[in-house]
C-alpha atoms as a PDB file:
ATOM      1  CA  MET A   1     247.457  83.246 135.669  1.00  0.00           C
ATOM      2  CA  THR A   2     248.092  84.760 139.103  1.00  0.00           C
ATOM      3  CA  THR A   3     244.923  85.633 141.010  1.00  0.00           C
ATOM      4  CA  ALA A   4     244.308  89.027 142.574  1.00  0.00           C
ATOM      5  CA  ALA A   5     244.750  87.543 146.029  1.00  0.00           C
ATOM      6  CA  GLN A   6     248.171  86.164 145.048  1.00  0.00           C
ATOM      7  CA  LEU A   7     249.303  89.193 143.056  1.00  0.00           C
ATOM      8  CA  ASP A   8     251.778  91.409 144.893  1.00  0.00           C
ATOM      9  CA  LEU A   9     252.105  94.591 142.847  1.00  0.00           C
ATOM     10  CA  GLY A  10     254.921  95.891 145.035  1.00  0.00           C
ATOM     11  CA  ASP A  11     256.145  99.266 143.743  1.00  0.00           C
ATOM     12  CA  PHE A  12     254.073  99.064 140.570  1.00  0.00           C
ATOM     13  CA  LEU A  13     251.351 101.733 140.331  1.00  0.00           C
ATOM     14  CA  HIS A  14     248.406 101.179 137.951  1.00  0.00           C
ATOM     15  CA  PRO A  15     245.647 103.761 138.484  1.00  0.00           C
ATOM     16  CA  ALA A  16     242.594 104.426 136.338  1.00  0.00           C
ATOM     17  CA  LEU A  17     241.754 108.109 135.854  1.00  0.00           C
ATOM     18  CA  PHE A  18     238.042 108.792 135.327  1.00  0.00           C
ATOM     19  CA  TYR A  19     237.519 112.129 133.557  1.00  0.00           C
ATOM     20  CA  GLN A  20     234.456 113.984 132.224  1.00  0.00           C
ATOM     21  CA  SER A  21     235.991 116.935 130.382  1.00  0.00           C
ATOM     22  CA  GLU A  22     239.166 118.108 128.682  1.00  0.00           C
ATOM     23  CA  GLN A  23     240.009 120.143 131.767  1.00  0.00           C
ATOM     24  CA  GLN A  24     239.693 117.119 134.048  1.00  0.00           C
ATOM     25  CA  TYR A  25     241.842 115.174 131.590  1.00  0.00           C
ATOM     26  CA  LEU A  26     244.591 117.792 131.785  1.00  0.00           C
ATOM     27  CA  ASP A  27     244.231 118.263 135.547  1.00  0.00           C
ATOM     28  CA  GLY A  28     244.719 114.530 136.053  1.00  0.00           C
ATOM     29  CA  LEU A  29     247.558 113.928 133.605  1.00  0.00           C
ATOM     30  CA  LEU A  30     249.717 117.059 133.597  1.00  0.00           C
ATOM     31  CA  PRO A  31     250.869 116.749 137.246  1.00  0.00           C
ATOM     32  CA  PHE A  32     251.655 113.063 136.649  1.00  0.00           C
ATOM     33  CA  ILE A  33     253.852 114.065 133.704  1.00  0.00           C
ATOM     34  CA  THR A  34     255.549 117.103 135.224  1.00  0.00           C
ATOM     35  CA  GLU A  35     256.298 115.317 138.502  1.00  0.00           C
ATOM     36  CA  GLY A  36     257.923 112.536 136.506  1.00  0.00           C
ATOM     37  CA  LEU A  37     260.051 114.977 134.542  1.00  0.00           C
ATOM     38  CA  ALA A  38     261.060 116.765 137.755  1.00  0.00           C
ATOM     39  CA  ALA A  39     262.207 113.408 139.160  1.00  0.00           C
ATOM     40  CA  ASP A  40     264.205 112.726 135.974  1.00  0.00           C
ATOM     41  CA  GLN A  41     261.926 109.832 135.058  1.00  0.00           C
ATOM     42  CA  PRO A  42     261.404 108.979 131.376  1.00  0.00           C
ATOM     43  CA  VAL A  43     257.773 109.587 130.398  1.00  0.00           C
ATOM     44  CA  LEU A  44     255.729 107.907 127.660  1.00  0.00           C
ATOM     45  CA  VAL A  45     252.327 109.209 126.605  1.00  0.00           C
ATOM     46  CA  ALA A  46     250.358 106.799 124.395  1.00  0.00           C
ATOM     47  CA  VAL A  47     246.820 108.116 123.879  1.00  0.00           C
ATOM     48  CA  PRO A  48     244.479 108.655 120.894  1.00  0.00           C
ATOM     49  CA  GLY A  49     245.537 111.438 118.519  1.00  0.00           C
ATOM     50  CA  PRO A  50     243.104 114.209 119.616  1.00  0.00           C
ATOM     51  CA  ASN A  51     244.089 113.732 123.258  1.00  0.00           C
ATOM     52  CA  LEU A  52     247.748 113.612 122.269  1.00  0.00           C
ATOM     53  CA  ALA A  53     247.384 117.010 120.575  1.00  0.00           C
ATOM     54  CA  LEU A  54     245.601 118.383 123.653  1.00  0.00           C
ATOM     55  CA  LEU A  55     248.447 117.310 125.933  1.00  0.00           C
ATOM     56  CA  ARG A  56     251.155 118.496 123.553  1.00  0.00           C
ATOM     57  CA  GLU A  57     249.635 121.992 123.448  1.00  0.00           C
ATOM     58  CA  ALA A  58     249.203 122.142 127.219  1.00  0.00           C
ATOM     59  CA  LEU A  59     252.769 120.987 127.865  1.00  0.00           C
ATOM     60  CA  GLY A  60     254.359 123.508 125.543  1.00  0.00           C
ATOM     61  CA  PRO A  61     258.164 123.179 125.343  1.00  0.00           C
ATOM     62  CA  ALA A  62     258.112 120.341 127.910  1.00  0.00           C
ATOM     63  CA  ALA A  63     256.482 118.113 125.290  1.00  0.00           C
ATOM     64  CA  ALA A  64     259.878 117.744 123.632  1.00  0.00           C
ATOM     65  CA  GLU A  65     261.115 115.853 126.708  1.00  0.00           C
ATOM     66  CA  ILE A  66     258.388 113.194 126.406  1.00  0.00           C
ATOM     67  CA  THR A  67     258.003 110.166 124.171  1.00  0.00           C
ATOM     68  CA  MET A  68     254.591 110.379 122.490  1.00  0.00           C
ATOM     69  CA  ALA A  69     252.617 107.820 120.487  1.00  0.00           C
ATOM     70  CA  ASP A  70     249.174 107.890 118.902  1.00  0.00           C
ATOM     71  CA  MET A  71     247.423 104.893 120.455  1.00  0.00           C
ATOM     72  CA  ARG A  72     245.157 104.612 117.404  1.00  0.00           C
ATOM     73  CA  ASP A  73     248.253 103.487 115.491  1.00  0.00           C
ATOM     74  CA  ALA A  74     250.580 102.034 118.136  1.00  0.00           C
ATOM     75  CA  GLY A  75     247.703 100.259 119.845  1.00  0.00           C
ATOM     76  CA  ARG A  76     245.457  99.457 116.902  1.00  0.00           C
ATOM     77  CA  ASN A  77     245.784  95.846 118.073  1.00  0.00           C
ATOM     78  CA  PRO A  78     245.304  95.854 121.869  1.00  0.00           C
ATOM     79  CA  GLY A  79     247.458  92.726 122.130  1.00  0.00           C
ATOM     80  CA  ARG A  80     250.458  94.634 120.833  1.00  0.00           C
ATOM     81  CA  ILE A  81     250.372  97.432 123.412  1.00  0.00           C
ATOM     82  CA  LEU A  82     251.970  95.600 126.315  1.00  0.00           C
ATOM     83  CA  GLY A  83     254.976  94.084 124.550  1.00  0.00           C
ATOM     84  CA  GLY A  84     255.405  96.497 121.664  1.00  0.00           C
ATOM     85  CA  VAL A  85     254.753  99.812 123.437  1.00  0.00           C
ATOM     86  CA  LEU A  86     254.719  99.742 127.257  1.00  0.00           C
ATOM     87  CA  SER A  87     257.294  97.026 128.001  1.00  0.00           C
ATOM     88  CA  ALA A  88     259.510  98.212 125.169  1.00  0.00           C
ATOM     89  CA  PHE A  89     259.666 101.673 126.756  1.00  0.00           C
ATOM     90  CA  ALA A  90     260.122 100.393 130.322  1.00  0.00           C
ATOM     91  CA  ASP A  91     262.842  97.926 129.320  1.00  0.00           C
ATOM     92  CA  LYS A  92     264.669 100.519 127.242  1.00  0.00           C
ATOM     93  CA  HIS A  93     265.103 102.674 130.340  1.00  0.00           C
ATOM     94  CA  ALA A  94     265.559  99.921 132.947  1.00  0.00           C
ATOM     95  CA  PRO A  95     266.469  99.913 135.756  1.00  0.00           C
ATOM     96  CA  ARG A  96     265.198 103.501 135.982  1.00  0.00           C
ATOM     97  CA  SER A  97     261.652 104.103 137.113  1.00  0.00           C
ATOM     98  CA  VAL A  98     259.404 105.339 134.304  1.00  0.00           C
ATOM     99  CA  ARG A  99     255.969 106.919 134.029  1.00  0.00           C
ATOM    100  CA  ILE A 100     253.547 105.855 131.318  1.00  0.00           C
ATOM    101  CA  ILE A 101     250.133 107.136 130.302  1.00  0.00           C
ATOM    102  CA  GLY A 102     248.263 104.562 128.244  1.00  0.00           C
ATOM    103  CA  GLU A 103     244.715 105.050 126.951  1.00  0.00           C
ATOM    104  CA  PRO A 104     243.795 101.783 125.177  1.00  0.00           C
ATOM    105  CA  ILE A 105     240.004 102.161 125.407  1.00  0.00           C
ATOM    106  CA  TRP A 106     238.169 104.999 123.681  1.00  0.00           C
ATOM    107  CA  SER A 107     234.673 105.434 122.260  1.00  0.00           C
ATOM    108  CA  GLY A 108     235.736 104.404 118.745  1.00  0.00           C
ATOM    109  CA  ARG A 109     236.780 100.885 119.761  1.00  0.00           C
ATOM    110  CA  SER A 110     234.701  98.148 118.100  1.00  0.00           C
ATOM    111  CA  ASP A 111     232.758  95.416 119.881  1.00  0.00           C
ATOM    112  CA  ALA A 112     235.320  92.899 118.627  1.00  0.00           C
ATOM    113  CA  GLU A 113     238.248  94.932 119.983  1.00  0.00           C
ATOM    114  CA  TYR A 114     236.800  95.672 123.403  1.00  0.00           C
ATOM    115  CA  PRO A 115     237.309  92.246 125.064  1.00  0.00           C
ATOM    116  CA  ALA A 116     240.946  92.266 123.952  1.00  0.00           C
ATOM    117  CA  CYS A 117     241.346  95.757 125.456  1.00  0.00           C
ATOM    118  CA  VAL A 118     240.022  94.657 128.848  1.00  0.00           C
ATOM    119  CA  GLN A 119     242.250  91.569 128.870  1.00  0.00           C
ATOM    120  CA  HIS A 120     245.208  93.821 128.057  1.00  0.00           C
ATOM    121  CA  GLU A 121     244.397  96.047 131.032  1.00  0.00           C
ATOM    122  CA  ALA A 122     244.099  92.996 133.296  1.00  0.00           C
ATOM    123  CA  LEU A 123     247.432  91.559 132.139  1.00  0.00           C
ATOM    124  CA  ILE A 124     249.332  94.795 132.764  1.00  0.00           C
ATOM    125  CA  ASN A 125     249.170  93.931 136.458  1.00  0.00           C
ATOM    126  CA  ASN A 126     250.852  90.565 135.932  1.00  0.00           C
ATOM    127  CA  ALA A 127     253.429  91.927 133.501  1.00  0.00           C
ATOM    128  CA  PHE A 128     254.679  94.728 135.753  1.00  0.00           C
ATOM    129  CA  ALA A 129     254.020  93.389 139.259  1.00  0.00           C
ATOM    130  CA  GLY A 130     256.945  94.220 141.519  1.00  0.00           C
ATOM    131  CA  ARG A 131     258.559  96.728 139.134  1.00  0.00           C
ATOM    132  CA  ASP A 132     259.145 100.335 140.109  1.00  0.00           C
ATOM    133  CA  LEU A 133     257.085 102.084 137.443  1.00  0.00           C
ATOM    134  CA  ALA A 134     253.638 103.601 136.914  1.00  0.00           C
ATOM    135  CA  VAL A 135     251.044 103.128 134.166  1.00  0.00           C
ATOM    136  CA  LEU A 136     248.151 105.605 134.347  1.00  0.00           C
ATOM    137  CA  CYS A 137     245.082 104.778 132.217  1.00  0.00           C
ATOM    138  CA  PRO A 138     242.503 107.502 131.466  1.00  0.00           C
ATOM    139  CA  TYR A 139     238.809 106.639 130.935  1.00  0.00           C
ATOM    140  CA  ASP A 140     236.285 109.061 129.420  1.00  0.00           C
ATOM    141  CA  VAL A 141     233.209 108.641 131.612  1.00  0.00           C
ATOM    142  CA  THR A 142     231.006 110.757 129.309  1.00  0.00           C
ATOM    143  CA  ARG A 143     231.643 108.753 126.117  1.00  0.00           C
ATOM    144  CA  LEU A 144     232.392 105.197 127.187  1.00  0.00           C
ATOM    145  CA  ASP A 145     229.757 102.610 127.937  1.00  0.00           C
ATOM    146  CA  PRO A 146     229.169 102.105 131.692  1.00  0.00           C
ATOM    147  CA  THR A 147     230.469  98.557 131.243  1.00  0.00           C
ATOM    148  CA  ALA A 148     233.898  99.960 130.354  1.00  0.00           C
ATOM    149  CA  ILE A 149     233.969 102.017 133.556  1.00  0.00           C
ATOM    150  CA  ALA A 150     232.887  99.022 135.616  1.00  0.00           C
ATOM    151  CA  ASP A 151     235.580  96.885 133.990  1.00  0.00           C
ATOM    152  CA  ALA A 152     238.194  99.580 134.684  1.00  0.00           C
ATOM    153  CA  ARG A 153     237.422  99.249 138.373  1.00  0.00           C
ATOM    154  CA  ILE A 154     238.171  95.529 138.087  1.00  0.00           C
ATOM    155  CA  THR A 155     241.423  95.871 136.117  1.00  0.00           C
ATOM    156  CA  HIS A 156     242.915  98.760 138.139  1.00  0.00           C
ATOM    157  CA  PRO A 157     243.865  98.564 141.822  1.00  0.00           C
ATOM    158  CA  VAL A 158     243.732 102.341 142.295  1.00  0.00           C
ATOM    159  CA  LEU A 159     241.131 104.883 141.119  1.00  0.00           C
ATOM    160  CA  TRP A 160     241.591 108.621 140.498  1.00  0.00           C
ATOM    161  CA  GLN A 161     238.678 110.993 139.957  1.00  0.00           C
ATOM    162  CA  ALA A 162     238.384 114.787 139.930  1.00  0.00           C
ATOM    163  CA  GLY A 163     237.440 116.260 143.284  1.00  0.00           C
ATOM    164  CA  MET A 164     237.909 112.965 145.129  1.00  0.00           C
ATOM    165  CA  PRO A 165     240.851 111.490 147.030  1.00  0.00           C
ATOM    166  CA  GLU A 166     242.699 108.525 145.542  1.00  0.00           C
ATOM    167  CA  GLN A 167     240.945 105.301 146.466  1.00  0.00           C
ATOM    168  CA  ASP A 168     241.700 101.612 146.333  1.00  0.00           C
ATOM    169  CA  SER A 169     239.356  99.706 144.039  1.00  0.00           C
ATOM    170  CA  VAL A 170     237.376  97.181 146.061  1.00  0.00           C
ATOM    171  CA  ALA A 171     236.374  95.526 142.753  1.00  0.00           C
ATOM    172  CA  PHE A 172     239.997  94.812 141.696  1.00  0.00           C
ATOM    173  CA  ALA A 173     240.044  91.264 140.293  1.00  0.00           C
ATOM    174  CA  PRO A 174     242.127  91.128 137.082  1.00  0.00           C
ATOM    175  CA  THR A 175     242.091  87.345 136.762  1.00  0.00           C
ATOM    176  CA  ALA A 176     238.304  87.242 136.996  1.00  0.00           C
ATOM    177  CA  VAL A 177     237.799  89.851 134.262  1.00  0.00           C
ATOM    178  CA  TRP A 178     240.402  88.180 132.008  1.00  0.00           C
ATOM    179  CA  GLU A 179     238.495  84.917 132.356  1.00  0.00           C
ATOM    180  CA  HIS A 180     235.163  86.677 131.776  1.00  0.00           C
ATOM    181  CA  TYR A 181     236.341  87.840 128.353  1.00  0.00           C
ATOM    182  CA  ASN A 182     237.992  84.522 127.506  1.00  0.00           C
ATOM    183  CA  ARG A 183     235.037  83.653 125.288  1.00  0.00           C
ATOM    184  CA  PRO A 184     234.600  80.959 122.607  1.00  0.00           C
ATOM    185  CA  LEU A 185     235.404  82.013 119.039  1.00  0.00           C
ATOM    186  CA  THR A 186     233.607  80.509 116.066  1.00  0.00           C
ATOM    187  CA  SER A 187     234.510  80.218 112.405  1.00  0.00           C
ATOM    188  CA  GLY A 188     232.535  82.135 109.799  1.00  0.00           C
ATOM    189  CA  PRO A 189     230.085  80.276 107.539  1.00  0.00           C
ATOM    190  CA  THR A 190     232.250  80.984 104.472  1.00  0.00           C
ATOM    191  CA  ALA A 191     235.489  79.698 106.026  1.00  0.00           C
ATOM    192  CA  VAL A 192     237.820  77.538 103.950  1.00  0.00           C
ATOM    193  CA  THR A 193     240.081  75.207 105.923  1.00  0.00           C
ATOM    194  CA  TYR A 194     243.459  73.525 105.747  1.00  0.00           C
ATOM    195  CA  THR A 195     244.774  70.876 108.163  1.00  0.00           C
ATOM    196  CA  VAL A 196     248.390  71.238 109.246  1.00  0.00           C
ATOM    197  CA  ASN A 197     249.807  67.924 110.462  1.00  0.00           C
ATOM    198  CA  GLN A 198     253.509  68.672 110.877  1.00  0.00           C
ATOM    199  CA  LEU A 199     256.147  71.369 110.370  1.00  0.00           C
ATOM    200  CA  ALA A 200     256.820  70.008 106.878  1.00  0.00           C
ATOM    201  CA  ASP A 201     253.311  71.216 105.934  1.00  0.00           C
ATOM    202  CA  LEU A 202     254.152  74.894 106.522  1.00  0.00           C
ATOM    203  CA  GLY A 203     254.953  75.417 102.854  1.00  0.00           C
ATOM    204  CA  GLY A 204     251.402  74.305 102.156  1.00  0.00           C
ATOM    205  CA  VAL A 205     250.117  76.824 104.723  1.00  0.00           C
ATOM    206  CA  ARG A 206     251.828  79.674 102.917  1.00  0.00           C
ATOM    207  CA  GLN A 207     250.628  78.441  99.530  1.00  0.00           C
ATOM    208  CA  PHE A 208     247.064  78.003 100.790  1.00  0.00           C
ATOM    209  CA  SER A 209     247.114  81.585 102.086  1.00  0.00           C
ATOM    210  CA  ALA A 210     248.525  82.897  98.798  1.00  0.00           C
ATOM    211  CA  VAL A 211     245.861  81.097  96.786  1.00  0.00           C
ATOM    212  CA  TYR A 212     243.157  82.523  99.055  1.00  0.00           C
ATOM    213  CA  GLY A 213     244.510  86.000  98.344  1.00  0.00           C
ATOM    214  CA  GLN A 214     244.392  85.298  94.608  1.00  0.00           C
ATOM    215  CA  TRP A 215     240.813  83.993  94.792  1.00  0.00           C
ATOM    216  CA  PHE A 216     239.586  87.256  96.290  1.00  0.00           C
ATOM    217  CA  ASP A 217     242.027  89.567  94.512  1.00  0.00           C
ATOM    218  CA  LEU A 218     243.426  90.870  97.801  1.00  0.00           C
ATOM    219  CA  PRO A 219     246.140  93.564  97.750  1.00  0.00           C
ATOM    220  CA  SER A 220     249.611  92.044  97.724  1.00  0.00           C
ATOM    221  CA  HIS A 221     250.566  93.425 101.148  1.00  0.00           C
ATOM    222  CA  ILE A 222     247.447  91.885 102.706  1.00  0.00           C
ATOM    223  CA  THR A 223     248.273  88.507 101.173  1.00  0.00           C
ATOM    224  CA  THR A 224     251.891  88.767 102.356  1.00  0.00           C
ATOM    225  CA  ASN A 225     250.805  89.575 105.909  1.00  0.00           C
ATOM    226  CA  LEU A 226     248.260  86.745 105.787  1.00  0.00           C
ATOM    227  CA  GLN A 227     250.978  84.276 104.774  1.00  0.00           C
ATOM    228  CA  LEU A 228     253.209  85.403 107.631  1.00  0.00           C
ATOM    229  CA  ILE A 229     250.396  85.298 110.185  1.00  0.00           C
ATOM    230  CA  ALA A 230     249.187  81.854 109.111  1.00  0.00           C
ATOM    231  CA  ASN A 231     252.748  80.532 109.097  1.00  0.00           C
ATOM    232  CA  GLU A 232     253.545  81.900 112.579  1.00  0.00           C
ATOM    233  CA  LEU A 233     250.283  80.694 114.118  1.00  0.00           C
ATOM    234  CA  ALA A 234     250.633  77.214 112.637  1.00  0.00           C
ATOM    235  CA  THR A 235     254.303  77.003 113.636  1.00  0.00           C
ATOM    236  CA  SER A 236     253.553  78.089 117.203  1.00  0.00           C
ATOM    237  CA  SER A 237     250.718  75.590 117.452  1.00  0.00           C
ATOM    238  CA  LEU A 238     252.796  72.669 116.201  1.00  0.00           C
ATOM    239  CA  GLN A 239     255.760  73.535 118.412  1.00  0.00           C
ATOM    240  CA  HIS A 240     253.560  73.937 121.482  1.00  0.00           C
ATOM    241  CA  ASN A 241     251.145  71.122 120.751  1.00  0.00           C
ATOM    242  CA  GLY A 242     253.000  68.505 118.746  1.00  0.00           C
ATOM    243  CA  ALA A 243     249.717  67.551 117.085  1.00  0.00           C
ATOM    244  CA  PRO A 244     247.753  68.709 114.022  1.00  0.00           C
ATOM    245  CA  CYS A 245     246.090  72.113 113.971  1.00  0.00           C
ATOM    246  CA  GLN A 246     243.357  73.514 111.770  1.00  0.00           C
ATOM    247  CA  LEU A 247     243.716  76.680 109.690  1.00  0.00           C
ATOM    248  CA  ALA A 248     240.608  78.562 108.524  1.00  0.00           C
ATOM    249  CA  LEU A 249     240.226  81.752 106.479  1.00  0.00           C
ATOM    250  CA  TRP A 250     237.164  83.904 105.862  1.00  0.00           C
ATOM    251  CA  GLN A 251     236.004  87.512 105.571  1.00  0.00           C
ATOM    252  CA  ASP A 252     233.598  89.366 107.823  1.00  0.00           C
ATOM    253  CA  ASP A 253     232.643  93.015 108.347  1.00  0.00           C
ATOM    254  CA  GLY A 254     235.555  94.444 106.364  1.00  0.00           C
ATOM    255  CA  HIS A 255     238.175  92.111 107.815  1.00  0.00           C
ATOM    256  CA  LEU A 256     240.014  89.025 106.684  1.00  0.00           C
ATOM    257  CA  ILE A 257     240.187  86.579 109.595  1.00  0.00           C
ATOM    258  CA  CYS A 258     242.828  83.880 109.983  1.00  0.00           C
ATOM    259  CA  GLU A 259     241.983  81.209 112.532  1.00  0.00           C
ATOM    260  CA  VAL A 260     244.240  78.503 113.932  1.00  0.00           C
ATOM    261  CA  SER A 261     242.833  76.012 116.417  1.00  0.00           C
ATOM    262  CA  ASP A 262     244.335  73.050 118.243  1.00  0.00           C
ATOM    263  CA  ASN A 263     243.600  70.796 121.212  1.00  0.00           C
ATOM    264  CA  ARG A 264     245.920  72.217 123.862  1.00  0.00           C
ATOM    265  CA  TYR A 265     245.503  74.815 126.601  1.00  0.00           C
ATOM    266  CA  LEU A 266     247.571  77.986 126.270  1.00  0.00           C
ATOM    267  CA  ASP A 267     248.596  78.313 129.912  1.00  0.00           C
ATOM    268  CA  ASP A 268     250.563  81.564 129.523  1.00  0.00           C
ATOM    269  CA  PRO A 269     248.258  84.577 128.987  1.00  0.00           C
ATOM    270  CA  LEU A 270     251.310  86.805 128.489  1.00  0.00           C
ATOM    271  CA  ALA A 271     252.607  84.767 125.539  1.00  0.00           C
ATOM    272  CA  GLY A 272     253.114  87.162 122.646  1.00  0.00           C
ATOM    273  CA  ARG A 273     252.740  90.207 124.914  1.00  0.00           C
ATOM    274  CA  ARG A 274     256.329  90.326 126.144  1.00  0.00           C
ATOM    275  CA  PRO A 275     259.127  91.884 124.095  1.00  0.00           C
ATOM    276  CA  TYR A 276     260.208  89.435 121.386  1.00  0.00           C
ATOM    277  CA  ARG A 277     263.581  88.422 122.838  1.00  0.00           C
ATOM    278  CA  SER A 278     262.250  87.710 126.331  1.00  0.00           C
ATOM    279  CA  ASP A 279     259.312  85.495 125.353  1.00  0.00           C
ATOM    280  CA  THR A 280     258.902  81.765 124.796  1.00  0.00           C
ATOM    281  CA  VAL A 281     259.149  80.110 121.370  1.00  0.00           C
ATOM    282  CA  ARG A 282     255.382  80.197 120.959  1.00  0.00           C
ATOM    283  CA  GLY A 283     255.256  83.696 122.417  1.00  0.00           C
ATOM    284  CA  ARG A 284     257.706  85.017 119.848  1.00  0.00           C
ATOM    285  CA  GLY A 285     255.464  83.744 117.059  1.00  0.00           C
ATOM    286  CA  LEU A 286     252.440  85.383 118.660  1.00  0.00           C
ATOM    287  CA  PHE A 287     254.420  88.622 119.108  1.00  0.00           C
ATOM    288  CA  VAL A 288     255.003  88.719 115.353  1.00  0.00           C
ATOM    289  CA  VAL A 289     251.302  88.055 114.737  1.00  0.00           C
ATOM    290  CA  HIS A 290     250.303  90.867 117.107  1.00  0.00           C
ATOM    291  CA  GLY A 291     252.574  93.225 115.196  1.00  0.00           C
ATOM    292  CA  LEU A 292     251.050  92.352 111.824  1.00  0.00           C
ATOM    293  CA  ALA A 293     247.374  91.983 112.707  1.00  0.00           C
ATOM    294  CA  ASP A 294     244.857  94.734 113.418  1.00  0.00           C
ATOM    295  CA  LEU A 295     243.311  92.593 116.147  1.00  0.00           C
ATOM    296  CA  VAL A 296     244.059  89.242 117.782  1.00  0.00           C
ATOM    297  CA  ARG A 297     241.494  87.356 119.840  1.00  0.00           C
ATOM    298  CA  ILE A 298     242.381  84.219 121.801  1.00  0.00           C
ATOM    299  CA  TYR A 299     240.126  81.665 123.449  1.00  0.00           C
ATOM    300  CA  THR A 300     241.750  78.930 125.475  1.00  0.00           C
ATOM    301  CA  THR A 301     240.415  76.243 127.774  1.00  0.00           C
ATOM    302  CA  ALA A 302     241.280  72.668 128.698  1.00  0.00           C
ATOM    303  CA  GLY A 303     241.734  70.746 125.434  1.00  0.00           C
ATOM    304  CA  GLN A 304     241.194  73.687 123.077  1.00  0.00           C
ATOM    305  CA  THR A 305     242.846  76.910 121.933  1.00  0.00           C
ATOM    306  CA  THR A 306     241.498  79.072 119.112  1.00  0.00           C
ATOM    307  CA  ILE A 307     243.237  82.198 117.830  1.00  0.00           C
ATOM    308  CA  HIS A 308     241.720  84.738 115.445  1.00  0.00           C
ATOM    309  CA  ALA A 309     243.955  87.278 113.707  1.00  0.00           C
ATOM    310  CA  TYR A 310     242.149  90.115 111.904  1.00  0.00           C
ATOM    311  CA  LEU A 311     243.458  92.044 108.914  1.00  0.00           C
ATOM    312  CA  LYS A 312     241.480  95.114 107.890  1.00  0.00           C
ATOM    313  CA  LEU A 313     240.565  95.063 104.207  1.00  0.00           C
ATOM    314  CA  GLU A 314     240.776  98.228 102.174  1.00  0.00           C
ATOM    315  CA  LEU A 315     237.447  99.471 100.945  1.00  0.00           C
ATOM    316  CA  ALA A 316     237.104  99.993  97.183  1.00  0.00           C
END
């Protein structure tokens, strides 16, 4: 991954907006939107539903000129935001410059989701470096933990705050924060495992996943998604690694977790975060997984990669 010292953002603008009230939220975002529309730039707003409604009301008829997405749905899995939402919009309108508002971190994010959110924010810089576009990320100072605000200073090169001039972030170090949240992942105590030795074993992977669904009487759509996720993760591992990988399944805190681990280093942090057609073979498999899962966590280091894909279970 490119270090901050090596990273030349060029024309790419990636500010964090720190706000403390609805009025500050509107004061920071509305000019960004209206200036983009005046310059004939396509605008995407991807923020949590309540904030989306706030902006839609404030924009009035101009809202019809903007692409809007509820980040609670579009970005339920932080790993999907870059390839499935931001890059998809930017590439659709290329080579035109676009403006994007993306709010991936809000007070309802879980402890398990948060590290993936920060890594997403760090990787935006690598994904869009040198491109003529802007991604503005709002942060609610009154509701978020101070750690989230500190991390925003590390993932964003520019900081905006009400009543203060724009400032460069002296803490900007996206590689360092990505590595900080690249933390070991462990299997649950109730995990059941299956060893995948070669591509010919993939039928067994799908059957193993189906049987697991039957054991626990999971809804059919959950079992189907589990089969697809397990198949894609195992396939990607075998194609990238050429050696056996280990599949594990268990449930924890209302989620079904599918783990695949192998003994190679995943040296491309953007794998699975680019649009499907522009990614590597392994990245395309991970892109599919990101689209199906509610959360994906990845830990990779020399001689080991572990991936956890979460599926939220429906409560009875």
